[in-house]
Amino acid sequence: MTWLLIITLSVDGQTATFPAGLMLDQGLCSMAGAGIVHFLKEGTPGVEAGWACELVQNGEAV
């Protein structure tokens, strides 16, 4: 299975969501998402960040 890592950022009331990468394992996707969000929150004052992993089948998120 393939998983799409999606990062969501909010700063000053503006929110953006973007695909960050494809992962071959849900656990690795979760670990990468948690690490990226931690890094962003620690390094950027005032940012709210979140992540999600979506299953990809036949080239599209399910």
PDB file of N, CA and C in Angstrom:
ATOM      1  N   MET A   1       0.831  -1.185   0.000  1.00  0.00           N
ATOM      2  CA  MET A   1       0.000   0.000   0.000  1.00  0.00           C
ATOM      3  C   MET A   1       0.872   1.243   0.000  1.00  0.00           C
ATOM      4  N   THR A   2       0.318   2.330  -0.489  1.00  0.00           N
ATOM      5  CA  THR A   2       1.011   3.611  -0.518  1.00  0.00           C
ATOM      6  C   THR A   2       0.184   4.621   0.257  1.00  0.00           C
ATOM      7  N   TRP A   3       0.868   5.476   1.009  1.00  0.00           N
ATOM      8  CA  TRP A   3       0.213   6.480   1.837  1.00  0.00           C
ATOM      9  C   TRP A   3       0.711   7.864   1.451  1.00  0.00           C
ATOM     10  N   LEU A   4      -0.206   8.816   1.367  1.00  0.00           N
ATOM     11  CA  LEU A   4       0.115  10.204   1.070  1.00  0.00           C
ATOM     12  C   LEU A   4       0.158  10.986   2.372  1.00  0.00           C
ATOM     13  N   LEU A   5       1.300  11.615   2.646  1.00  0.00           N
ATOM     14  CA  LEU A   5       1.454  12.466   3.820  1.00  0.00           C
ATOM     15  C   LEU A   5       1.002  13.874   3.457  1.00  0.00           C
ATOM     16  N   ILE A   6       0.049  14.401   4.217  1.00  0.00           N
ATOM     17  CA  ILE A   6      -0.498  15.732   3.980  1.00  0.00           C
ATOM     18  C   ILE A   6      -0.208  16.598   5.197  1.00  0.00           C
ATOM     19  N   ILE A   7       0.365  17.769   4.969  1.00  0.00           N
ATOM     20  CA  ILE A   7       0.687  18.720   6.036  1.00  0.00           C
ATOM     21  C   ILE A   7      -0.267  19.908   5.929  1.00  0.00           C
ATOM     22  N   THR A   8      -0.776  20.361   7.077  1.00  0.00           N
ATOM     23  CA  THR A   8      -1.626  21.543   7.139  1.00  0.00           C
ATOM     24  C   THR A   8      -0.949  22.576   8.035  1.00  0.00           C
ATOM     25  N   LEU A   9      -0.824  23.795   7.538  1.00  0.00           N
ATOM     26  CA  LEU A   9      -0.202  24.887   8.281  1.00  0.00           C
ATOM     27  C   LEU A   9      -1.182  26.038   8.425  1.00  0.00           C
ATOM     28  N   SER A  10      -1.209  26.652   9.600  1.00  0.00           N
ATOM     29  CA  SER A  10      -2.019  27.851   9.832  1.00  0.00           C
ATOM     30  C   SER A  10      -1.146  28.906  10.496  1.00  0.00           C
ATOM     31  N   VAL A  11      -1.136  30.096   9.894  1.00  0.00           N
ATOM     32  CA  VAL A  11      -0.391  31.226  10.431  1.00  0.00           C
ATOM     33  C   VAL A  11      -1.239  32.475  10.224  1.00  0.00           C
ATOM     34  N   ASP A  12      -1.427  33.240  11.290  1.00  0.00           N
ATOM     35  CA  ASP A  12      -2.170  34.500  11.204  1.00  0.00           C
ATOM     36  C   ASP A  12      -3.524  34.342  10.519  1.00  0.00           C
ATOM     37  N   GLY A  13      -4.241  33.273  10.824  1.00  0.00           N
ATOM     38  CA  GLY A  13      -5.572  33.047  10.270  1.00  0.00           C
ATOM     39  C   GLY A  13      -5.613  32.494   8.861  1.00  0.00           C
ATOM     40  N   GLN A  14      -4.478  32.298   8.255  1.00  0.00           N
ATOM     41  CA  GLN A  14      -4.403  31.734   6.903  1.00  0.00           C
ATOM     42  C   GLN A  14      -4.000  30.253   7.021  1.00  0.00           C
ATOM     43  N   THR A  15      -4.710  29.400   6.301  1.00  0.00           N
ATOM     44  CA  THR A  15      -4.432  27.964   6.360  1.00  0.00           C
ATOM     45  C   THR A  15      -4.098  27.439   4.968  1.00  0.00           C
ATOM     46  N   ALA A  16      -3.090  26.577   4.918  1.00  0.00           N
ATOM     47  CA  ALA A  16      -2.692  25.931   3.664  1.00  0.00           C
ATOM     48  C   ALA A  16      -2.500  24.441   3.930  1.00  0.00           C
ATOM     49  N   THR A  17      -2.931  23.640   2.987  1.00  0.00           N
ATOM     50  CA  THR A  17      -2.759  22.192   3.059  1.00  0.00           C
ATOM     51  C   THR A  17      -2.024  21.752   1.801  1.00  0.00           C
ATOM     52  N   PHE A  18      -1.004  20.907   1.983  1.00  0.00           N
ATOM     53  CA  PHE A  18      -0.244  20.471   0.820  1.00  0.00           C
ATOM     54  C   PHE A  18       0.273  19.053   0.996  1.00  0.00           C
ATOM     55  N   PRO A  19       0.407  18.321  -0.121  1.00  0.00           N
ATOM     56  CA  PRO A  19       0.986  16.983  -0.054  1.00  0.00           C
ATOM     57  C   PRO A  19       2.485  17.092   0.214  1.00  0.00           C
ATOM     58  N   ALA A  20       2.975  16.259   1.110  1.00  0.00           N
ATOM     59  CA  ALA A  20       4.387  16.335   1.477  1.00  0.00           C
ATOM     60  C   ALA A  20       5.189  15.141   0.972  1.00  0.00           C
ATOM     61  N   GLY A  21       4.544  14.019   0.709  1.00  0.00           N
ATOM     62  CA  GLY A  21       5.305  12.875   0.215  1.00  0.00           C
ATOM     63  C   GLY A  21       4.491  11.604   0.201  1.00  0.00           C
ATOM     64  N   LEU A  22       4.993  10.615  -0.515  1.00  0.00           N
ATOM     65  CA  LEU A  22       4.378   9.293  -0.563  1.00  0.00           C
ATOM     66  C   LEU A  22       5.204   8.336   0.285  1.00  0.00           C
ATOM     67  N   MET A  23       4.525   7.529   1.066  1.00  0.00           N
ATOM     68  CA  MET A  23       5.176   6.573   1.951  1.00  0.00           C
ATOM     69  C   MET A  23       4.648   5.177   1.647  1.00  0.00           C
ATOM     70  N   LEU A  24       5.483   4.168   1.831  1.00  0.00           N
ATOM     71  CA  LEU A  24       5.081   2.793   1.563  1.00  0.00           C
ATOM     72  C   LEU A  24       4.450   2.105   2.762  1.00  0.00           C
ATOM     73  N   ASP A  25       4.429   2.789   3.908  1.00  0.00           N
ATOM     74  CA  ASP A  25       3.946   2.179   5.140  1.00  0.00           C
ATOM     75  C   ASP A  25       3.217   3.238   5.962  1.00  0.00           C
ATOM     76  N   GLN A  26       2.066   2.887   6.539  1.00  0.00           N
ATOM     77  CA  GLN A  26       1.299   3.847   7.328  1.00  0.00           C
ATOM     78  C   GLN A  26       2.064   4.298   8.569  1.00  0.00           C
ATOM     79  N   GLY A  27       2.773   3.387   9.203  1.00  0.00           N
ATOM     80  CA  GLY A  27       3.555   3.747  10.385  1.00  0.00           C
ATOM     81  C   GLY A  27       4.647   4.758  10.068  1.00  0.00           C
ATOM     82  N   LEU A  28       5.342   4.559   8.956  1.00  0.00           N
ATOM     83  CA  LEU A  28       6.372   5.519   8.544  1.00  0.00           C
ATOM     84  C   LEU A  28       5.758   6.864   8.180  1.00  0.00           C
ATOM     85  N   CYS A  29       4.584   6.844   7.568  1.00  0.00           N
ATOM     86  CA  CYS A  29       3.895   8.081   7.222  1.00  0.00           C
ATOM     87  C   CYS A  29       3.554   8.857   8.500  1.00  0.00           C
ATOM     88  N   SER A  30       3.043   8.163   9.486  1.00  0.00           N
ATOM     89  CA  SER A  30       2.698   8.796  10.760  1.00  0.00           C
ATOM     90  C   SER A  30       3.930   9.362  11.465  1.00  0.00           C
ATOM     91  N   MET A  31       5.012   8.600  11.455  1.00  0.00           N
ATOM     92  CA  MET A  31       6.245   9.054  12.091  1.00  0.00           C
ATOM     93  C   MET A  31       6.793  10.287  11.379  1.00  0.00           C
ATOM     94  N   ALA A  32       6.790  10.274  10.051  1.00  0.00           N
ATOM     95  CA  ALA A  32       7.278  11.422   9.291  1.00  0.00           C
ATOM     96  C   ALA A  32       6.398  12.640   9.531  1.00  0.00           C
ATOM     97  N   GLY A  33       5.087  12.457   9.536  1.00  0.00           N
ATOM     98  CA  GLY A  33       4.170  13.570   9.787  1.00  0.00           C
ATOM     99  C   GLY A  33       4.383  14.181  11.157  1.00  0.00           C
ATOM    100  N   ALA A  34       4.495  13.342  12.179  1.00  0.00           N
ATOM    101  CA  ALA A  34       4.713  13.838  13.535  1.00  0.00           C
ATOM    102  C   ALA A  34       6.044  14.587  13.643  1.00  0.00           C
ATOM    103  N   GLY A  35       7.075  14.072  12.992  1.00  0.00           N
ATOM    104  CA  GLY A  35       8.385  14.729  13.026  1.00  0.00           C
ATOM    105  C   GLY A  35       8.379  16.074  12.328  1.00  0.00           C
ATOM    106  N   ILE A  36       7.760  16.139  11.160  1.00  0.00           N
ATOM    107  CA  ILE A  36       7.701  17.400  10.419  1.00  0.00           C
ATOM    108  C   ILE A  36       6.920  18.442  11.213  1.00  0.00           C
ATOM    109  N   VAL A  37       5.770  18.047  11.769  1.00  0.00           N
ATOM    110  CA  VAL A  37       4.956  18.985  12.546  1.00  0.00           C
ATOM    111  C   VAL A  37       5.716  19.467  13.776  1.00  0.00           C
ATOM    112  N   HIS A  38       6.404  18.578  14.454  1.00  0.00           N
ATOM    113  CA  HIS A  38       7.200  18.977  15.620  1.00  0.00           C
ATOM    114  C   HIS A  38       8.266  19.997  15.216  1.00  0.00           C
ATOM    115  N   PHE A  39       8.980  19.710  14.148  1.00  0.00           N
ATOM    116  CA  PHE A  39      10.026  20.612  13.653  1.00  0.00           C
ATOM    117  C   PHE A  39       9.446  21.985  13.311  1.00  0.00           C
ATOM    118  N   LEU A  40       8.308  22.008  12.614  1.00  0.00           N
ATOM    119  CA  LEU A  40       7.689  23.278  12.218  1.00  0.00           C
ATOM    120  C   LEU A  40       7.221  24.088  13.424  1.00  0.00           C
ATOM    121  N   LYS A  41       6.606  23.420  14.400  1.00  0.00           N
ATOM    122  CA  LYS A  41       6.113  24.122  15.588  1.00  0.00           C
ATOM    123  C   LYS A  41       7.260  24.671  16.426  1.00  0.00           C
ATOM    124  N   GLU A  42       8.332  23.911  16.555  1.00  0.00           N
ATOM    125  CA  GLU A  42       9.488  24.354  17.334  1.00  0.00           C
ATOM    126  C   GLU A  42      10.250  25.477  16.653  1.00  0.00           C
ATOM    127  N   GLY A  43      10.294  25.465  15.337  1.00  0.00           N
ATOM    128  CA  GLY A  43      11.118  26.419  14.604  1.00  0.00           C
ATOM    129  C   GLY A  43      10.405  27.666  14.115  1.00  0.00           C
ATOM    130  N   THR A  44       9.060  27.681  14.196  1.00  0.00           N
ATOM    131  CA  THR A  44       8.312  28.806  13.649  1.00  0.00           C
ATOM    132  C   THR A  44       7.285  29.284  14.672  1.00  0.00           C
ATOM    133  N   PRO A  45       7.595  30.356  15.403  1.00  0.00           N
ATOM    134  CA  PRO A  45       6.649  30.861  16.404  1.00  0.00           C
ATOM    135  C   PRO A  45       5.313  31.245  15.765  1.00  0.00           C
ATOM    136  N   GLY A  46       4.223  30.847  16.416  1.00  0.00           N
ATOM    137  CA  GLY A  46       2.897  31.215  15.957  1.00  0.00           C
ATOM    138  C   GLY A  46       2.277  30.298  14.919  1.00  0.00           C
ATOM    139  N   VAL A  47       3.014  29.321  14.465  1.00  0.00           N
ATOM    140  CA  VAL A  47       2.457  28.410  13.450  1.00  0.00           C
ATOM    141  C   VAL A  47       1.692  27.279  14.140  1.00  0.00           C
ATOM    142  N   GLU A  48       0.563  26.939  13.556  1.00  0.00           N
ATOM    143  CA  GLU A  48      -0.172  25.737  13.945  1.00  0.00           C
ATOM    144  C   GLU A  48       0.015  24.755  12.797  1.00  0.00           C
ATOM    145  N   ALA A  49       0.366  23.535  13.122  1.00  0.00           N
ATOM    146  CA  ALA A  49       0.642  22.544  12.082  1.00  0.00           C
ATOM    147  C   ALA A  49      -0.021  21.221  12.438  1.00  0.00           C
ATOM    148  N   GLY A  50      -0.436  20.511  11.421  1.00  0.00           N
ATOM    149  CA  GLY A  50      -1.024  19.196  11.599  1.00  0.00           C
ATOM    150  C   GLY A  50      -0.659  18.316  10.417  1.00  0.00           C
ATOM    151  N   TRP A  51      -0.978  17.055  10.521  1.00  0.00           N
ATOM    152  CA  TRP A  51      -0.657  16.123   9.453  1.00  0.00           C
ATOM    153  C   TRP A  51      -1.737  15.057   9.364  1.00  0.00           C
ATOM    154  N   ALA A  52      -1.799  14.416   8.222  1.00  0.00           N
ATOM    155  CA  ALA A  52      -2.696  13.285   8.009  1.00  0.00           C
ATOM    156  C   ALA A  52      -2.051  12.362   6.988  1.00  0.00           C
ATOM    157  N   CYS A  53      -2.382  11.099   7.072  1.00  0.00           N
ATOM    158  CA  CYS A  53      -1.926  10.111   6.106  1.00  0.00           C
ATOM    159  C   CYS A  53      -3.160   9.523   5.434  1.00  0.00           C
ATOM    160  N   GLU A  54      -3.197   9.592   4.112  1.00  0.00           N
ATOM    161  CA  GLU A  54      -4.322   9.053   3.354  1.00  0.00           C
ATOM    162  C   GLU A  54      -3.846   7.916   2.464  1.00  0.00           C
ATOM    163  N   LEU A  55      -4.611   6.858   2.451  1.00  0.00           N
ATOM    164  CA  LEU A  55      -4.317   5.707   1.606  1.00  0.00           C
ATOM    165  C   LEU A  55      -4.458   6.102   0.137  1.00  0.00           C
ATOM    166  N   VAL A  56      -3.510   5.684  -0.687  1.00  0.00           N
ATOM    167  CA  VAL A  56      -3.552   5.970  -2.125  1.00  0.00           C
ATOM    168  C   VAL A  56      -3.721   4.638  -2.859  1.00  0.00           C
ATOM    169  N   GLN A  57      -4.728   4.590  -3.740  1.00  0.00           N
ATOM    170  CA  GLN A  57      -4.949   3.420  -4.575  1.00  0.00           C
ATOM    171  C   GLN A  57      -5.174   3.878  -6.002  1.00  0.00           C
ATOM    172  N   ASN A  58      -4.516   3.254  -6.929  1.00  0.00           N
ATOM    173  CA  ASN A  58      -4.638   3.592  -8.346  1.00  0.00           C
ATOM    174  C   ASN A  58      -4.337   5.062  -8.599  1.00  0.00           C
ATOM    175  N   GLY A  59      -3.376   5.615  -7.868  1.00  0.00           N
ATOM    176  CA  GLY A  59      -2.938   6.989  -8.093  1.00  0.00           C
ATOM    177  C   GLY A  59      -3.809   8.057  -7.467  1.00  0.00           C
ATOM    178  N   GLU A  60      -4.823   7.691  -6.679  1.00  0.00           N
ATOM    179  CA  GLU A  60      -5.701   8.675  -6.060  1.00  0.00           C
ATOM    180  C   GLU A  60      -5.892   8.352  -4.577  1.00  0.00           C
ATOM    181  N   ALA A  61      -5.991   9.419  -3.749  1.00  0.00           N
ATOM    182  CA  ALA A  61      -6.254   9.253  -2.331  1.00  0.00           C
ATOM    183  C   ALA A  61      -7.642   8.655  -2.148  1.00  0.00           C
ATOM    184  N   VAL A  62      -7.749   7.732  -1.203  1.00  0.00           N
ATOM    185  CA  VAL A  62      -9.026   7.055  -0.948  1.00  0.00           C
ATOM    186  C   VAL A  62      -9.696   7.710   0.244  1.00  0.00           C
TER     187      VAL A  62
END
